[in-house]
Amino acid sequence: MTTKTYSVPGISCGHCVMTIERELKYVDGLQSVKADKDSRAVRVEVESDDVLAAVEAMLAEIGYPAA
C-alpha cells in the first residue's frame, strides 16, 4: 500500500472536502481518502503507485487539481 499527500490549493470549504472525498471513492484501487480544508491537502492510501495517476486525473476532472 502507498500513501501520498497532495497539496490542493482549491480547497476552501467543507463542501470542497465533501466533494473530493465522495468523488475519489470511485477510483479503483483507492483504499482511503481524507481531505482537509485547513491544510488544503488530500491524503490518499492506494493499493499501488499505478493508482496515483488515476487519483491525480480525478482531482483535475472535478476541479481540484493538485499543485
Protein backbone atom coordinates (compact mmCIF):
# COMPACT_ATOMS: atom_id res chain seq x y z
CA MET A 1 0.00 0.00 0.00
CA THR A 2 1.17 3.53 -0.82
CA THR A 3 0.24 6.75 0.99
CA LYS A 4 0.54 10.16 -0.66
CA THR A 5 -0.47 13.67 0.35
CA TYR A 6 -1.36 16.18 -2.34
CA SER A 7 -1.39 19.94 -1.97
CA VAL A 8 -4.72 21.14 -3.38
CA PRO A 9 -4.91 24.95 -3.20
CA GLY A 10 -8.52 24.99 -4.45
CA ILE A 11 -9.91 23.55 -1.19
CA SER A 12 -11.66 26.38 0.62
CA CYS A 13 -14.65 24.95 2.48
CA GLY A 14 -16.40 21.89 3.82
CA HIS A 15 -18.25 21.41 0.54
CA CYS A 16 -14.90 21.10 -1.27
CA VAL A 17 -13.81 18.44 1.22
CA MET A 18 -17.06 16.52 0.82
CA THR A 19 -16.88 16.65 -2.99
CA ILE A 20 -13.29 15.45 -3.13
CA GLU A 21 -13.85 12.59 -0.69
CA ARG A 22 -17.05 11.49 -2.44
CA GLU A 23 -15.64 11.57 -5.97
CA LEU A 24 -12.28 9.96 -5.25
CA LYS A 25 -14.03 6.91 -3.82
CA TYR A 26 -14.84 5.98 -7.44
CA VAL A 27 -11.14 5.47 -8.25
CA ASP A 28 -10.37 1.75 -8.46
CA GLY A 29 -7.60 0.76 -6.07
CA LEU A 30 -8.17 3.62 -3.64
CA GLN A 31 -8.14 2.40 -0.03
CA SER A 32 -8.86 5.67 1.79
CA VAL A 33 -9.09 9.40 1.23
CA LYS A 34 -9.03 12.31 3.67
CA ALA A 35 -9.27 15.93 2.52
CA ASP A 36 -8.53 18.80 4.89
CA LYS A 37 -9.61 22.39 4.26
CA ASP A 38 -7.25 23.95 6.82
CA SER A 39 -4.09 22.49 5.29
CA ARG A 40 -5.59 22.37 1.78
CA ALA A 41 -4.34 18.84 1.39
CA VAL A 42 -5.68 15.47 0.30
CA ARG A 43 -4.18 12.29 1.76
CA VAL A 44 -4.81 9.04 -0.06
CA GLU A 45 -3.89 5.42 0.51
CA VAL A 46 -3.81 3.32 -2.64
CA GLU A 47 -3.13 -0.32 -3.47
CA SER A 48 -0.20 0.56 -5.75
CA ASP A 49 1.64 3.51 -7.24
CA ASP A 50 -0.22 2.91 -10.52
CA VAL A 51 -3.42 4.21 -8.90
CA LEU A 52 -1.87 7.62 -8.14
CA ALA A 53 -2.20 8.74 -11.78
CA ALA A 54 -5.93 7.98 -11.64
CA VAL A 55 -6.25 9.95 -8.37
CA GLU A 56 -4.48 12.95 -9.92
CA ALA A 57 -6.66 12.74 -13.04
CA MET A 58 -9.84 12.61 -10.96
CA LEU A 59 -8.77 15.60 -8.86
CA ALA A 60 -8.23 17.61 -12.06
CA GLU A 61 -11.51 16.38 -13.57
CA ILE A 62 -13.58 17.53 -10.58
CA GLY A 63 -11.90 20.94 -10.49
CA TYR A 64 -9.40 20.44 -7.67
CA PRO A 65 -6.05 19.85 -9.40
CA ALA A 66 -3.06 19.01 -7.23
CA ALA A 67 -0.33 21.63 -7.13
